[in-house]
Protein backbone atom coordinates (compact mmCIF):
# COMPACT_ATOMS: atom_id res chain seq x y z
CA MET A 1 85.72 70.45 124.83
CA GLY A 2 89.68 70.73 125.21
CA GLY A 3 91.26 69.00 121.86
CA GLU A 4 88.24 70.33 120.01
CA THR A 5 89.11 72.98 117.21
CA VAL A 6 86.91 75.80 116.53
CA ARG A 7 86.70 79.04 113.92
CA VAL A 8 85.04 82.26 114.85
CA THR A 9 84.96 85.71 113.03
CA MET A 10 84.58 88.35 114.88
CA PHE A 11 83.91 91.92 114.09
CA VAL A 12 85.49 94.65 116.09
CA ARG A 13 84.09 98.13 116.23
CA GLY A 14 85.39 101.45 117.64
CA SER A 15 88.45 103.09 116.92
CA VAL A 16 90.50 100.35 115.97
CA GLN A 17 92.09 101.10 112.64
CA GLY A 18 95.08 103.17 112.05
CA VAL A 19 96.22 102.95 115.78
CA GLY A 20 98.06 99.29 115.62
CA PHE A 21 95.26 97.08 116.52
CA ARG A 22 95.68 94.48 113.75
CA TRP A 23 99.43 93.99 114.83
CA TRP A 24 98.11 93.67 118.63
CA THR A 25 95.65 91.21 117.72
CA ARG A 26 98.32 89.13 115.82
CA ALA A 27 100.53 88.89 118.55
CA ARG A 28 97.95 87.61 120.91
CA ALA A 29 96.80 85.29 118.47
CA LEU A 30 100.50 84.01 117.95
CA GLU A 31 101.01 84.01 121.64
CA LEU A 32 97.70 81.70 121.91
CA GLY A 33 98.38 79.25 119.00
CA LEU A 34 95.61 80.48 116.92
CA VAL A 35 95.91 80.64 112.78
CA GLY A 36 93.66 83.35 110.59
CA HIS A 37 94.13 87.06 110.02
CA ALA A 38 92.98 90.43 111.12
CA ARG A 39 91.91 92.72 108.48
CA ASN A 40 90.56 96.23 107.93
CA THR A 41 87.06 96.28 107.03
CA ALA A 42 85.51 99.41 104.45
CA ASP A 43 83.37 100.54 107.13
CA GLY A 44 85.75 100.84 109.86
CA ARG A 45 85.55 97.53 111.55
CA VAL A 46 88.32 95.19 112.03
CA GLU A 47 87.59 91.56 111.07
CA VAL A 48 89.31 88.89 113.12
CA VAL A 49 89.15 85.42 111.96
CA ALA A 50 90.41 82.95 114.52
CA GLN A 51 90.99 79.07 114.33
CA GLY A 52 92.49 76.85 117.14
CA SER A 53 91.33 75.67 120.74
CA VAL A 54 88.01 76.61 122.24
CA ALA A 55 90.27 78.12 125.19
CA ALA A 56 92.60 79.97 123.29
CA VAL A 57 89.53 81.25 120.95
CA GLU A 58 87.76 82.41 124.01
CA ARG A 59 90.86 84.30 125.36
CA LEU A 60 91.26 86.11 122.32
CA GLU A 61 87.41 87.14 122.56
CA ALA A 62 88.02 88.37 126.09
CA LEU A 63 91.30 90.05 125.28
CA LEU A 64 89.29 92.21 122.33
CA ARG A 65 86.55 92.67 125.08
CA GLU A 66 88.51 93.90 128.12
CA ASP A 67 87.74 97.27 129.42
CA PRO A 68 90.04 98.70 130.33
CA SER A 69 92.80 96.71 128.52
CA THR A 70 95.60 94.87 130.83
CA THR A 71 97.67 94.34 127.96
CA ARG A 72 98.00 97.94 126.45
CA ARG A 73 95.48 96.97 123.38
CA PRO A 74 95.68 100.08 121.22
CA GLY A 75 92.42 102.03 120.40
CA ARG A 76 88.99 101.56 121.53
CA VAL A 77 86.66 98.88 121.41
CA GLU A 78 83.17 99.45 121.29
CA THR A 79 81.63 96.22 120.05
CA VAL A 80 82.53 92.78 119.34
CA VAL A 81 80.23 90.43 117.35
CA VAL A 82 80.98 86.62 116.80
CA GLN A 83 80.06 84.25 114.34
CA GLN A 84 80.52 80.84 114.57
CA GLY A 85 82.24 79.00 111.24
CA VAL A 86 83.84 75.81 110.09
CA PRO A 87 86.96 74.88 110.95
CA ARG A 88 89.56 74.61 107.68
CA ASP A 89 92.07 72.35 106.99
CA GLY A 90 95.60 73.57 105.88
CA THR A 91 95.49 76.96 107.51
CA SER A 92 98.71 77.99 109.41
CA GLY A 93 99.80 81.56 110.82
CA PHE A 94 98.23 84.40 111.73
CA VAL A 95 98.51 87.29 108.86
CA GLU A 96 97.64 91.21 108.95
CA ARG A 97 95.71 91.72 105.73
């Protein structure tokens, strides 16, 4: 489990657009060594695609869900829905879209 690479898509609902949430998510993902992206969706959610170690992906999910936030997460998260994906080769960096 330690060396396994996983990929998930997390849909975050709440007051998460226009408050620096994607920037904060990118910073945490990079600290955790994850690759992927965070982008706003038309319905007001933020889509976070994260790929990396199981532990790092689980930590990012925990930080997204944490209430109250101990890391000054901007906005307010109501729910996080996680969908498992298939890791992709050649993915690098974590960007805001």
